[in-house]
Amino acid sequence: MWIRPLTRTLLGAALVCGLCALAIHALGSWRGSAAQDADAAEGEAARTQPGSAGDDLFQGKVVCSLKRTVVMPVKGTIQRMAARGGQAVRKGDVLASYRIASDMLPGLKRRIAAVQVKDMEVGLSDLEKSLTLLNGKRRELSELVRKDLGPAQGLRQVEAEIQAVERQRAALLEKLRIEKDVVRDDLEALREQLGGSLQAIGSNEPVHLVAPISGLVIWVSPELREGAELPAGAGAFVVGVMDPMLMRAQVHELEAVKLSVGDSAEVSFESLPNRVFEGKVSRLAWAPLTPALEQATYYELELALPNPELALREGMKGQVALRKAGER
């Protein structure tokens, strides 16, 4: 008889434990959802924050207004370093010198020799000779046929051969023209890559890496040092224009519709306290970054910031107070 009350007691305890587990799981799910919502709200606030007194406050990062990367056109060994990070350079200035790797020279010499063009020119010369002989033979047969001393079929056969050779000649001329254009463009690109001269391929003299634009050397490869061998295509330097600088940011659609190109802004940086930089909106995208319906709509904004003292550097994050045109 004592078994039945004990069974009821155990079943009741199990039911209570199950209800407690369900309550704990529901509480954990609610807390996780609340944390995700809080993180999302914090991310939205970081991208753009509504200002006060007519200002729009948001954050952005600074980049150079123009950048060009200098790469190794062919494999080579660095002989001399002529520029360092932060150095001002002008277009054409030597940044470093290197010597072309010996295993690269045969292929470069073949590119310069343009053997395929010469082979086509020889083939064209042979066709010209054949055409000259066939034209002479046609004149002789024409005279014989006119005097009824030769068969007309022989003349027709020679004329067919002449037409075939002329078609071959026309096709080879077109192919030769295209090949010459390709070789010319290839050599011009190679000459530019090798610092303006192809003499180093024959003499194996040092070749120069030169600045493609005027600006500041903002990056130097950590592998770039005298005696180092770099492969073709390896980045060596980055030269950037740092006055003006550009600040890129993302603004919510509620703020984007109030802005236009030319609006002025004040930008401050945590790394440069007590300094305010004046800038203007130089570009405002008309297409959103993410067109998905379930995501918030943001537009890319770009500010131009004068930087005559070169106080701003790439990657610096700043706070922007942007005012509409006509506000002071």
C-alpha atoms as a PDB file:
ATOM      1  CA  MET A   1       0.000   0.000   0.000  1.00  0.00           C
ATOM      2  CA  TRP A   2       2.871   2.400   0.648  1.00  0.00           C
ATOM      3  CA  ILE A   3       4.068   2.099  -2.970  1.00  0.00           C
ATOM      4  CA  ARG A   4       1.200   4.151  -4.490  1.00  0.00           C
ATOM      5  CA  PRO A   5       1.780   7.316  -2.347  1.00  0.00           C
ATOM      6  CA  LEU A   6       5.495   7.109  -3.063  1.00  0.00           C
ATOM      7  CA  THR A   7       4.859   6.901  -6.821  1.00  0.00           C
ATOM      8  CA  ARG A   8       2.570   9.938  -6.704  1.00  0.00           C
ATOM      9  CA  THR A   9       5.210  11.864  -4.778  1.00  0.00           C
ATOM     10  CA  LEU A  10       7.925  11.059  -7.322  1.00  0.00           C
ATOM     11  CA  LEU A  11       5.714  12.005 -10.268  1.00  0.00           C
ATOM     12  CA  GLY A  12       4.895  15.331  -8.638  1.00  0.00           C
ATOM     13  CA  ALA A  13       8.567  16.090  -8.048  1.00  0.00           C
ATOM     14  CA  ALA A  14       9.422  15.296 -11.668  1.00  0.00           C
ATOM     15  CA  LEU A  15       6.648  17.582 -12.891  1.00  0.00           C
ATOM     16  CA  VAL A  16       7.925  20.456 -10.739  1.00  0.00           C
ATOM     17  CA  CYS A  17      11.509  19.971 -12.025  1.00  0.00           C
ATOM     18  CA  GLY A  18      10.288  20.025 -15.644  1.00  0.00           C
ATOM     19  CA  LEU A  19       8.393  23.257 -15.126  1.00  0.00           C
ATOM     20  CA  CYS A  20      11.469  24.858 -13.530  1.00  0.00           C
ATOM     21  CA  ALA A  21      13.679  23.815 -16.464  1.00  0.00           C
ATOM     22  CA  LEU A  22      11.225  25.320 -18.946  1.00  0.00           C
ATOM     23  CA  ALA A  23      11.154  28.568 -17.018  1.00  0.00           C
ATOM     24  CA  ILE A  24      14.963  28.786 -16.867  1.00  0.00           C
ATOM     25  CA  HIS A  25      15.266  28.095 -20.637  1.00  0.00           C
ATOM     26  CA  ALA A  26      12.695  30.785 -21.442  1.00  0.00           C
ATOM     27  CA  LEU A  27      14.509  33.291 -19.214  1.00  0.00           C
ATOM     28  CA  GLY A  28      17.861  32.498 -20.919  1.00  0.00           C
ATOM     29  CA  SER A  29      16.357  32.920 -24.403  1.00  0.00           C
ATOM     30  CA  TRP A  30      14.851  36.282 -23.408  1.00  0.00           C
ATOM     31  CA  ARG A  31      18.192  37.491 -22.020  1.00  0.00           C
ATOM     32  CA  GLY A  32      20.052  36.368 -25.207  1.00  0.00           C
ATOM     33  CA  SER A  33      17.545  38.155 -27.425  1.00  0.00           C
ATOM     34  CA  ALA A  34      17.785  41.288 -25.283  1.00  0.00           C
ATOM     35  CA  ALA A  35      21.586  41.208 -25.474  1.00  0.00           C
ATOM     36  CA  GLN A  36      21.499  40.859 -29.280  1.00  0.00           C
ATOM     37  CA  ASP A  37      19.066  43.770 -29.541  1.00  0.00           C
ATOM     38  CA  ALA A  38      21.350  45.854 -27.317  1.00  0.00           C
ATOM     39  CA  ASP A  39      24.404  44.987 -29.442  1.00  0.00           C
ATOM     40  CA  ALA A  40      22.524  45.865 -32.639  1.00  0.00           C
ATOM     41  CA  ALA A  41      21.391  49.167 -31.146  1.00  0.00           C
ATOM     42  CA  GLU A  42      24.954  49.946 -30.071  1.00  0.00           C
ATOM     43  CA  GLY A  43      26.230  49.177 -33.602  1.00  0.00           C
ATOM     44  CA  GLU A  44      23.595  51.437 -35.130  1.00  0.00           C
ATOM     45  CA  ALA A  45      24.573  54.231 -32.751  1.00  0.00           C
ATOM     46  CA  ALA A  46      28.252  53.834 -33.668  1.00  0.00           C
ATOM     47  CA  ARG A  47      27.558  54.214 -37.376  1.00  0.00           C
ATOM     48  CA  THR A  48      25.549  57.422 -37.095  1.00  0.00           C
ATOM     49  CA  GLN A  49      24.296  59.410 -34.133  1.00  0.00           C
ATOM     50  CA  PRO A  50      21.727  62.233 -34.294  1.00  0.00           C
ATOM     51  CA  GLY A  51      23.181  65.564 -33.326  1.00  0.00           C
ATOM     52  CA  SER A  52      21.788  68.633 -31.681  1.00  0.00           C
ATOM     53  CA  ALA A  53      21.455  72.269 -32.662  1.00  0.00           C
ATOM     54  CA  GLY A  54      21.323  71.423 -36.377  1.00  0.00           C
ATOM     55  CA  ASP A  55      24.440  69.216 -36.385  1.00  0.00           C
ATOM     56  CA  ASP A  56      24.682  65.605 -37.608  1.00  0.00           C
ATOM     57  CA  LEU A  57      27.231  63.627 -35.624  1.00  0.00           C
ATOM     58  CA  PHE A  58      28.839  60.464 -36.973  1.00  0.00           C
ATOM     59  CA  GLN A  59      32.211  58.759 -37.242  1.00  0.00           C
ATOM     60  CA  GLY A  60      34.472  58.132 -40.192  1.00  0.00           C
ATOM     61  CA  LYS A  61      37.980  57.085 -41.181  1.00  0.00           C
ATOM     62  CA  VAL A  62      40.604  59.082 -43.056  1.00  0.00           C
ATOM     63  CA  VAL A  63      42.206  57.884 -46.322  1.00  0.00           C
ATOM     64  CA  CYS A  64      44.525  59.462 -48.889  1.00  0.00           C
ATOM     65  CA  SER A  65      42.792  61.287 -51.713  1.00  0.00           C
ATOM     66  CA  LEU A  66      44.950  59.346 -54.205  1.00  0.00           C
ATOM     67  CA  LYS A  67      47.172  56.290 -53.808  1.00  0.00           C
ATOM     68  CA  ARG A  68      49.429  54.352 -56.175  1.00  0.00           C
ATOM     69  CA  THR A  69      51.223  51.094 -55.422  1.00  0.00           C
ATOM     70  CA  VAL A  70      54.718  50.492 -56.797  1.00  0.00           C
ATOM     71  CA  VAL A  71      55.321  46.798 -57.534  1.00  0.00           C
ATOM     72  CA  MET A  72      58.290  44.756 -58.718  1.00  0.00           C
ATOM     73  CA  PRO A  73      57.702  44.242 -62.461  1.00  0.00           C
ATOM     74  CA  VAL A  74      60.128  41.289 -62.574  1.00  0.00           C
ATOM     75  CA  LYS A  75      61.984  39.219 -60.007  1.00  0.00           C
ATOM     76  CA  GLY A  76      65.074  41.009 -58.801  1.00  0.00           C
ATOM     77  CA  THR A  77      67.509  41.697 -55.964  1.00  0.00           C
ATOM     78  CA  ILE A  78      67.387  45.064 -54.184  1.00  0.00           C
ATOM     79  CA  GLN A  79      70.654  46.973 -54.602  1.00  0.00           C
ATOM     80  CA  ARG A  80      69.859  50.330 -52.985  1.00  0.00           C
ATOM     81  CA  MET A  81      67.074  51.950 -50.947  1.00  0.00           C
ATOM     82  CA  ALA A  82      66.481  55.590 -51.878  1.00  0.00           C
ATOM     83  CA  ALA A  83      63.209  56.374 -50.053  1.00  0.00           C
ATOM     84  CA  ARG A  84      61.711  55.672 -46.658  1.00  0.00           C
ATOM     85  CA  GLY A  85      58.275  55.885 -45.095  1.00  0.00           C
ATOM     86  CA  GLY A  86      56.988  59.426 -44.627  1.00  0.00           C
ATOM     87  CA  GLN A  87      59.324  60.895 -47.254  1.00  0.00           C
ATOM     88  CA  ALA A  88      57.930  63.419 -49.737  1.00  0.00           C
ATOM     89  CA  VAL A  89      58.614  62.444 -53.359  1.00  0.00           C
ATOM     90  CA  ARG A  90      57.858  63.847 -56.787  1.00  0.00           C
ATOM     91  CA  LYS A  91      56.711  61.886 -59.812  1.00  0.00           C
ATOM     92  CA  GLY A  92      59.711  60.085 -61.343  1.00  0.00           C
ATOM     93  CA  ASP A  93      61.886  60.146 -58.213  1.00  0.00           C
ATOM     94  CA  VAL A  94      63.890  56.962 -57.613  1.00  0.00           C
ATOM     95  CA  LEU A  95      62.532  54.955 -54.664  1.00  0.00           C
ATOM     96  CA  ALA A  96      64.847  51.934 -54.895  1.00  0.00           C
ATOM     97  CA  SER A  97      67.192  50.177 -57.322  1.00  0.00           C
ATOM     98  CA  TYR A  98      67.329  46.458 -58.096  1.00  0.00           C
ATOM     99  CA  ARG A  99      69.084  44.043 -60.430  1.00  0.00           C
ATOM    100  CA  ILE A 100      66.983  41.711 -62.594  1.00  0.00           C
ATOM    101  CA  ALA A 101      67.312  38.028 -61.643  1.00  0.00           C
ATOM    102  CA  SER A 102      69.445  36.095 -64.130  1.00  0.00           C
ATOM    103  CA  ASP A 103      66.729  33.509 -64.802  1.00  0.00           C
ATOM    104  CA  MET A 104      64.405  36.292 -65.995  1.00  0.00           C
ATOM    105  CA  LEU A 105      66.758  37.703 -68.632  1.00  0.00           C
ATOM    106  CA  PRO A 106      66.258  35.097 -71.427  1.00  0.00           C
ATOM    107  CA  GLY A 107      62.493  35.595 -71.488  1.00  0.00           C
ATOM    108  CA  LEU A 108      62.856  39.388 -71.438  1.00  0.00           C
ATOM    109  CA  LYS A 109      65.334  39.268 -74.309  1.00  0.00           C
ATOM    110  CA  ARG A 110      62.897  37.202 -76.361  1.00  0.00           C
ATOM    111  CA  ARG A 111      60.190  39.787 -75.707  1.00  0.00           C
ATOM    112  CA  ILE A 112      62.457  42.547 -76.967  1.00  0.00           C
ATOM    113  CA  ALA A 113      63.604  40.561 -80.004  1.00  0.00           C
ATOM    114  CA  ALA A 114      59.984  40.020 -81.137  1.00  0.00           C
ATOM    115  CA  VAL A 115      60.946  36.842 -82.994  1.00  0.00           C
ATOM    116  CA  GLN A 116      57.357  36.171 -84.059  1.00  0.00           C
ATOM    117  CA  VAL A 117      57.249  39.462 -85.970  1.00  0.00           C
ATOM    118  CA  LYS A 118      60.468  38.644 -87.814  1.00  0.00           C
ATOM    119  CA  ASP A 119      59.168  35.178 -88.718  1.00  0.00           C
ATOM    120  CA  MET A 120      56.030  36.742 -90.189  1.00  0.00           C
ATOM    121  CA  GLU A 121      58.091  39.244 -92.164  1.00  0.00           C
ATOM    122  CA  VAL A 122      60.142  36.376 -93.643  1.00  0.00           C
ATOM    123  CA  GLY A 123      56.960  34.520 -94.574  1.00  0.00           C
ATOM    124  CA  LEU A 124      55.577  37.660 -96.192  1.00  0.00           C
ATOM    125  CA  SER A 125      58.783  38.076 -98.211  1.00  0.00           C
ATOM    126  CA  ASP A 126      58.462  34.499 -99.483  1.00  0.00           C
ATOM    127  CA  LEU A 127      54.868  35.143-100.554  1.00  0.00           C
ATOM    128  CA  GLU A 128      55.945  38.297-102.382  1.00  0.00           C
ATOM    129  CA  LYS A 129      58.555  36.303-104.337  1.00  0.00           C
ATOM    130  CA  SER A 130      56.026  33.614-105.217  1.00  0.00           C
ATOM    131  CA  LEU A 131      53.558  36.241-106.343  1.00  0.00           C
ATOM    132  CA  THR A 132      56.188  37.896-108.558  1.00  0.00           C
ATOM    133  CA  LEU A 133      57.017  34.563-110.236  1.00  0.00           C
ATOM    134  CA  LEU A 134      53.346  33.703-110.785  1.00  0.00           C
ATOM    135  CA  ASN A 135      52.611  37.112-112.308  1.00  0.00           C
ATOM    136  CA  GLY A 136      55.519  36.628-114.731  1.00  0.00           C
ATOM    137  CA  LYS A 137      54.232  33.176-115.644  1.00  0.00           C
ATOM    138  CA  ARG A 138      50.742  34.566-116.192  1.00  0.00           C
ATOM    139  CA  ARG A 139      52.068  37.170-118.613  1.00  0.00           C
ATOM    140  CA  GLU A 140      53.889  34.489-120.618  1.00  0.00           C
ATOM    141  CA  LEU A 141      50.833  32.205-120.748  1.00  0.00           C
ATOM    142  CA  SER A 142      48.570  35.086-121.665  1.00  0.00           C
ATOM    143  CA  GLU A 143      50.787  35.872-124.660  1.00  0.00           C
ATOM    144  CA  LEU A 144      50.817  32.231-125.726  1.00  0.00           C
ATOM    145  CA  VAL A 145      47.046  31.905-125.395  1.00  0.00           C
ATOM    146  CA  ARG A 146      46.556  35.123-127.347  1.00  0.00           C
ATOM    147  CA  LYS A 147      48.642  33.613-130.179  1.00  0.00           C
ATOM    148  CA  ASP A 148      46.902  30.221-129.841  1.00  0.00           C
ATOM    149  CA  LEU A 149      50.227  28.660-128.876  1.00  0.00           C
ATOM    150  CA  GLY A 150      49.237  27.527-125.372  1.00  0.00           C
ATOM    151  CA  PRO A 151      46.230  26.031-123.517  1.00  0.00           C
ATOM    152  CA  ALA A 152      43.781  28.375-121.788  1.00  0.00           C
ATOM    153  CA  GLN A 153      43.407  25.900-118.924  1.00  0.00           C
ATOM    154  CA  GLY A 154      47.021  26.471-117.907  1.00  0.00           C
ATOM    155  CA  LEU A 155      46.397  30.203-117.725  1.00  0.00           C
ATOM    156  CA  ARG A 156      43.296  29.710-115.569  1.00  0.00           C
ATOM    157  CA  GLN A 157      45.254  27.489-113.205  1.00  0.00           C
ATOM    158  CA  VAL A 158      47.979  30.108-112.776  1.00  0.00           C
ATOM    159  CA  GLU A 159      45.390  32.815-112.153  1.00  0.00           C
ATOM    160  CA  ALA A 160      43.796  30.647-109.422  1.00  0.00           C
ATOM    161  CA  GLU A 161      47.211  30.188-107.807  1.00  0.00           C
ATOM    162  CA  ILE A 162      47.769  33.950-107.902  1.00  0.00           C
ATOM    163  CA  GLN A 163      44.414  34.579-106.163  1.00  0.00           C
ATOM    164  CA  ALA A 164      45.256  32.018-103.450  1.00  0.00           C
ATOM    165  CA  VAL A 165      48.663  33.594-102.796  1.00  0.00           C
ATOM    166  CA  GLU A 166      47.122  37.077-102.700  1.00  0.00           C
ATOM    167  CA  ARG A 167      44.619  35.894-100.064  1.00  0.00           C
ATOM    168  CA  GLN A 168      47.462  34.411 -98.015  1.00  0.00           C
ATOM    169  CA  ARG A 169      49.388  37.638 -98.374  1.00  0.00           C
ATOM    170  CA  ALA A 170      46.411  39.776 -97.234  1.00  0.00           C
ATOM    171  CA  ALA A 171      45.810  37.532 -94.209  1.00  0.00           C
ATOM    172  CA  LEU A 172      49.489  37.586 -93.241  1.00  0.00           C
ATOM    173  CA  LEU A 173      49.643  41.374 -93.620  1.00  0.00           C
ATOM    174  CA  GLU A 174      46.693  41.780 -91.227  1.00  0.00           C
ATOM    175  CA  LYS A 175      48.175  39.318 -88.757  1.00  0.00           C
ATOM    176  CA  LEU A 176      51.533  41.074 -88.965  1.00  0.00           C
ATOM    177  CA  ARG A 177      49.904  44.461 -88.352  1.00  0.00           C
ATOM    178  CA  ILE A 178      48.120  43.177 -85.232  1.00  0.00           C
ATOM    179  CA  GLU A 179      51.258  41.448 -83.947  1.00  0.00           C
ATOM    180  CA  LYS A 180      53.324  44.608 -84.386  1.00  0.00           C
ATOM    181  CA  ASP A 181      50.749  46.592 -82.390  1.00  0.00           C
ATOM    182  CA  VAL A 182      50.824  43.977 -79.624  1.00  0.00           C
ATOM    183  CA  VAL A 183      54.621  43.963 -79.510  1.00  0.00           C
ATOM    184  CA  ARG A 184      54.785  47.765 -79.496  1.00  0.00           C
ATOM    185  CA  ASP A 185      52.309  48.022 -76.616  1.00  0.00           C
ATOM    186  CA  ASP A 186      54.102  45.247 -74.734  1.00  0.00           C
ATOM    187  CA  LEU A 187      57.477  46.933 -75.092  1.00  0.00           C
ATOM    188  CA  GLU A 188      56.057  50.302 -74.047  1.00  0.00           C
ATOM    189  CA  ALA A 189      54.571  48.717 -70.910  1.00  0.00           C
ATOM    190  CA  LEU A 190      57.827  46.896 -70.186  1.00  0.00           C
ATOM    191  CA  ARG A 191      59.841  50.080 -70.704  1.00  0.00           C
ATOM    192  CA  GLU A 192      57.596  51.947 -68.262  1.00  0.00           C
ATOM    193  CA  GLN A 193      57.848  49.125 -65.720  1.00  0.00           C
ATOM    194  CA  LEU A 194      61.646  49.150 -65.962  1.00  0.00           C
ATOM    195  CA  GLY A 195      61.942  52.857 -65.252  1.00  0.00           C
ATOM    196  CA  GLY A 196      61.829  54.146 -68.832  1.00  0.00           C
ATOM    197  CA  SER A 197      64.626  52.105 -70.469  1.00  0.00           C
ATOM    198  CA  LEU A 198      65.177  48.563 -71.771  1.00  0.00           C
ATOM    199  CA  GLN A 199      68.968  48.781 -71.713  1.00  0.00           C
ATOM    200  CA  ALA A 200      69.186  46.973 -68.382  1.00  0.00           C
ATOM    201  CA  ILE A 201      67.945  43.776 -70.044  1.00  0.00           C
ATOM    202  CA  GLY A 202      70.977  43.607 -72.290  1.00  0.00           C
ATOM    203  CA  SER A 203      73.557  45.013 -69.864  1.00  0.00           C
ATOM    204  CA  ASN A 204      71.996  43.755 -66.603  1.00  0.00           C
ATOM    205  CA  GLU A 205      72.524  47.173 -65.046  1.00  0.00           C
ATOM    206  CA  PRO A 206      70.442  48.159 -61.986  1.00  0.00           C
ATOM    207  CA  VAL A 207      66.837  49.116 -62.654  1.00  0.00           C
ATOM    208  CA  HIS A 208      64.973  51.827 -60.735  1.00  0.00           C
ATOM    209  CA  LEU A 209      61.603  51.761 -59.018  1.00  0.00           C
ATOM    210  CA  VAL A 210      60.241  55.288 -59.431  1.00  0.00           C
ATOM    211  CA  ALA A 211      57.370  57.234 -57.874  1.00  0.00           C
ATOM    212  CA  PRO A 212      54.295  57.130 -60.146  1.00  0.00           C
ATOM    213  CA  ILE A 213      52.839  60.317 -58.613  1.00  0.00           C
ATOM    214  CA  SER A 214      53.940  63.166 -56.388  1.00  0.00           C
ATOM    215  CA  GLY A 215      53.068  62.672 -52.747  1.00  0.00           C
ATOM    216  CA  LEU A 216      54.274  60.958 -49.594  1.00  0.00           C
ATOM    217  CA  VAL A 217      55.643  57.444 -49.202  1.00  0.00           C
ATOM    218  CA  ILE A 218      52.986  56.078 -46.855  1.00  0.00           C
ATOM    219  CA  TRP A 219      54.036  52.410 -46.897  1.00  0.00           C
ATOM    220  CA  VAL A 220      57.238  50.436 -47.497  1.00  0.00           C
ATOM    221  CA  SER A 221      57.221  46.642 -47.717  1.00  0.00           C
ATOM    222  CA  PRO A 222      58.825  45.100 -44.619  1.00  0.00           C
ATOM    223  CA  GLU A 223      60.620  42.687 -46.960  1.00  0.00           C
ATOM    224  CA  LEU A 224      62.219  45.552 -48.884  1.00  0.00           C
ATOM    225  CA  ARG A 225      65.879  45.929 -47.894  1.00  0.00           C
ATOM    226  CA  GLU A 226      69.245  45.785 -49.626  1.00  0.00           C
ATOM    227  CA  GLY A 227      70.125  42.253 -50.698  1.00  0.00           C
ATOM    228  CA  ALA A 228      66.519  40.982 -50.540  1.00  0.00           C
ATOM    229  CA  GLU A 229      65.096  39.184 -53.579  1.00  0.00           C
ATOM    230  CA  LEU A 230      61.470  40.032 -54.355  1.00  0.00           C
ATOM    231  CA  PRO A 231      59.248  38.173 -56.831  1.00  0.00           C
ATOM    232  CA  ALA A 232      57.458  39.773 -59.742  1.00  0.00           C
ATOM    233  CA  GLY A 233      54.270  41.519 -58.624  1.00  0.00           C
ATOM    234  CA  ALA A 234      55.411  42.033 -55.029  1.00  0.00           C
ATOM    235  CA  GLY A 235      54.313  45.382 -53.589  1.00  0.00           C
ATOM    236  CA  ALA A 236      57.286  47.567 -52.686  1.00  0.00           C
ATOM    237  CA  PHE A 237      55.950  51.073 -51.957  1.00  0.00           C
ATOM    238  CA  VAL A 238      52.681  52.958 -51.702  1.00  0.00           C
ATOM    239  CA  VAL A 239      52.745  56.654 -52.566  1.00  0.00           C
ATOM    240  CA  GLY A 240      49.762  58.732 -51.476  1.00  0.00           C
ATOM    241  CA  VAL A 241      48.463  62.274 -51.828  1.00  0.00           C
ATOM    242  CA  MET A 242      47.810  63.491 -48.267  1.00  0.00           C
ATOM    243  CA  ASP A 243      46.607  67.028 -48.918  1.00  0.00           C
ATOM    244  CA  PRO A 244      43.674  66.951 -49.077  1.00  0.00           C
ATOM    245  CA  MET A 245      42.703  63.821 -47.199  1.00  0.00           C
ATOM    246  CA  LEU A 246      39.342  62.105 -47.530  1.00  0.00           C
ATOM    247  CA  MET A 247      37.133  60.894 -44.710  1.00  0.00           C
ATOM    248  CA  ARG A 248      34.665  58.131 -45.529  1.00  0.00           C
ATOM    249  CA  ALA A 249      31.667  57.353 -43.364  1.00  0.00           C
ATOM    250  CA  GLN A 250      28.254  55.739 -43.485  1.00  0.00           C
ATOM    251  CA  VAL A 251      25.115  57.718 -42.691  1.00  0.00           C
ATOM    252  CA  HIS A 252      21.595  56.491 -42.060  1.00  0.00           C
ATOM    253  CA  GLU A 253      18.892  57.299 -44.596  1.00  0.00           C
ATOM    254  CA  LEU A 254      17.229  59.674 -42.126  1.00  0.00           C
ATOM    255  CA  GLU A 255      20.386  61.796 -42.143  1.00  0.00           C
ATOM    256  CA  ALA A 256      21.389  61.225 -45.787  1.00  0.00           C
ATOM    257  CA  VAL A 257      18.259  62.894 -47.168  1.00  0.00           C
ATOM    258  CA  LYS A 258      19.195  66.096 -45.313  1.00  0.00           C
ATOM    259  CA  LEU A 259      22.715  66.301 -46.763  1.00  0.00           C
ATOM    260  CA  SER A 260      24.140  67.478 -50.067  1.00  0.00           C
ATOM    261  CA  VAL A 261      27.532  67.987 -51.673  1.00  0.00           C
ATOM    262  CA  GLY A 262      29.125  71.190 -50.388  1.00  0.00           C
ATOM    263  CA  ASP A 263      27.836  70.986 -46.814  1.00  0.00           C
ATOM    264  CA  SER A 264      30.535  72.021 -44.352  1.00  0.00           C
ATOM    265  CA  ALA A 265      31.764  69.936 -41.437  1.00  0.00           C
ATOM    266  CA  GLU A 266      33.983  70.088 -38.387  1.00  0.00           C
ATOM    267  CA  VAL A 267      36.025  66.964 -37.666  1.00  0.00           C
ATOM    268  CA  SER A 268      37.794  66.160 -34.421  1.00  0.00           C
ATOM    269  CA  PHE A 269      40.100  63.273 -33.585  1.00  0.00           C
ATOM    270  CA  GLU A 270      40.783  61.590 -30.268  1.00  0.00           C
ATOM    271  CA  SER A 271      44.459  61.266 -31.248  1.00  0.00           C
ATOM    272  CA  LEU A 272      44.648  65.029 -31.946  1.00  0.00           C
ATOM    273  CA  PRO A 273      42.899  66.676 -28.989  1.00  0.00           C
ATOM    274  CA  ASN A 274      42.086  70.400 -29.040  1.00  0.00           C
ATOM    275  CA  ARG A 275      42.223  70.465 -32.864  1.00  0.00           C
ATOM    276  CA  VAL A 276      39.301  70.829 -35.244  1.00  0.00           C
ATOM    277  CA  PHE A 277      39.594  70.292 -38.997  1.00  0.00           C
ATOM    278  CA  GLU A 278      37.270  72.029 -41.440  1.00  0.00           C
ATOM    279  CA  GLY A 279      35.978  69.993 -44.353  1.00  0.00           C
ATOM    280  CA  LYS A 280      33.216  69.751 -46.949  1.00  0.00           C
ATOM    281  CA  VAL A 281      31.075  66.947 -48.348  1.00  0.00           C
ATOM    282  CA  SER A 282      32.739  65.966 -51.633  1.00  0.00           C
ATOM    283  CA  ARG A 283      30.630  62.919 -52.485  1.00  0.00           C
ATOM    284  CA  LEU A 284      27.338  61.415 -51.326  1.00  0.00           C
ATOM    285  CA  ALA A 285      26.227  58.053 -52.689  1.00  0.00           C
ATOM    286  CA  TRP A 286      22.735  57.741 -54.143  1.00  0.00           C
ATOM    287  CA  ALA A 287      22.642  53.955 -53.835  1.00  0.00           C
ATOM    288  CA  PRO A 288      22.592  52.195 -50.447  1.00  0.00           C
ATOM    289  CA  LEU A 289      25.399  49.969 -49.243  1.00  0.00           C
ATOM    290  CA  THR A 290      22.983  47.089 -48.513  1.00  0.00           C
ATOM    291  CA  PRO A 291      19.725  47.023 -50.518  1.00  0.00           C
ATOM    292  CA  ALA A 292      18.275  44.117 -48.475  1.00  0.00           C
ATOM    293  CA  LEU A 293      14.842  44.953 -47.054  1.00  0.00           C
ATOM    294  CA  GLU A 294      15.484  43.509 -43.600  1.00  0.00           C
ATOM    295  CA  GLN A 295      18.637  45.603 -43.083  1.00  0.00           C
ATOM    296  CA  ALA A 296      18.934  49.273 -42.171  1.00  0.00           C
ATOM    297  CA  THR A 297      19.733  51.576 -45.105  1.00  0.00           C
ATOM    298  CA  TYR A 298      23.062  53.419 -45.013  1.00  0.00           C
ATOM    299  CA  TYR A 299      24.728  55.592 -47.638  1.00  0.00           C
ATOM    300  CA  GLU A 300      28.442  56.224 -48.099  1.00  0.00           C
ATOM    301  CA  LEU A 301      29.570  59.781 -47.434  1.00  0.00           C
ATOM    302  CA  GLU A 302      32.923  61.347 -48.321  1.00  0.00           C
ATOM    303  CA  LEU A 303      34.460  64.505 -46.870  1.00  0.00           C
ATOM    304  CA  ALA A 304      37.454  66.451 -48.199  1.00  0.00           C
ATOM    305  CA  LEU A 305      39.772  67.613 -45.390  1.00  0.00           C
ATOM    306  CA  PRO A 306      42.649  70.041 -46.049  1.00  0.00           C
ATOM    307  CA  ASN A 307      45.836  68.654 -44.500  1.00  0.00           C
ATOM    308  CA  PRO A 308      48.681  71.113 -45.255  1.00  0.00           C
ATOM    309  CA  GLU A 309      50.605  70.208 -42.100  1.00  0.00           C
ATOM    310  CA  LEU A 310      50.198  66.454 -42.804  1.00  0.00           C
ATOM    311  CA  ALA A 311      48.839  65.956 -39.307  1.00  0.00           C
ATOM    312  CA  LEU A 312      46.249  63.444 -40.531  1.00  0.00           C
ATOM    313  CA  ARG A 313      47.246  59.910 -41.487  1.00  0.00           C
ATOM    314  CA  GLU A 314      45.494  57.030 -43.167  1.00  0.00           C
ATOM    315  CA  GLY A 315      43.177  55.074 -40.894  1.00  0.00           C
ATOM    316  CA  MET A 316      42.623  57.751 -38.244  1.00  0.00           C
ATOM    317  CA  LYS A 317      39.065  57.701 -36.897  1.00  0.00           C
ATOM    318  CA  GLY A 318      37.304  61.014 -36.304  1.00  0.00           C
ATOM    319  CA  GLN A 319      34.021  62.447 -35.092  1.00  0.00           C
ATOM    320  CA  VAL A 320      32.154  64.591 -37.619  1.00  0.00           C
ATOM    321  CA  ALA A 321      29.794  67.453 -36.877  1.00  0.00           C
ATOM    322  CA  LEU A 322      28.210  68.223 -40.232  1.00  0.00           C
ATOM    323  CA  ARG A 323      26.144  71.331 -40.967  1.00  0.00           C
ATOM    324  CA  LYS A 324      23.908  72.041 -43.923  1.00  0.00           C
ATOM    325  CA  ALA A 325      24.846  74.602 -46.525  1.00  0.00           C
ATOM    326  CA  GLY A 326      24.146  78.126 -45.245  1.00  0.00           C
ATOM    327  CA  GLU A 327      24.481  77.255 -41.542  1.00  0.00           C
ATOM    328  CA  ARG A 328      27.305  78.666 -39.506  1.00  0.00           C
END
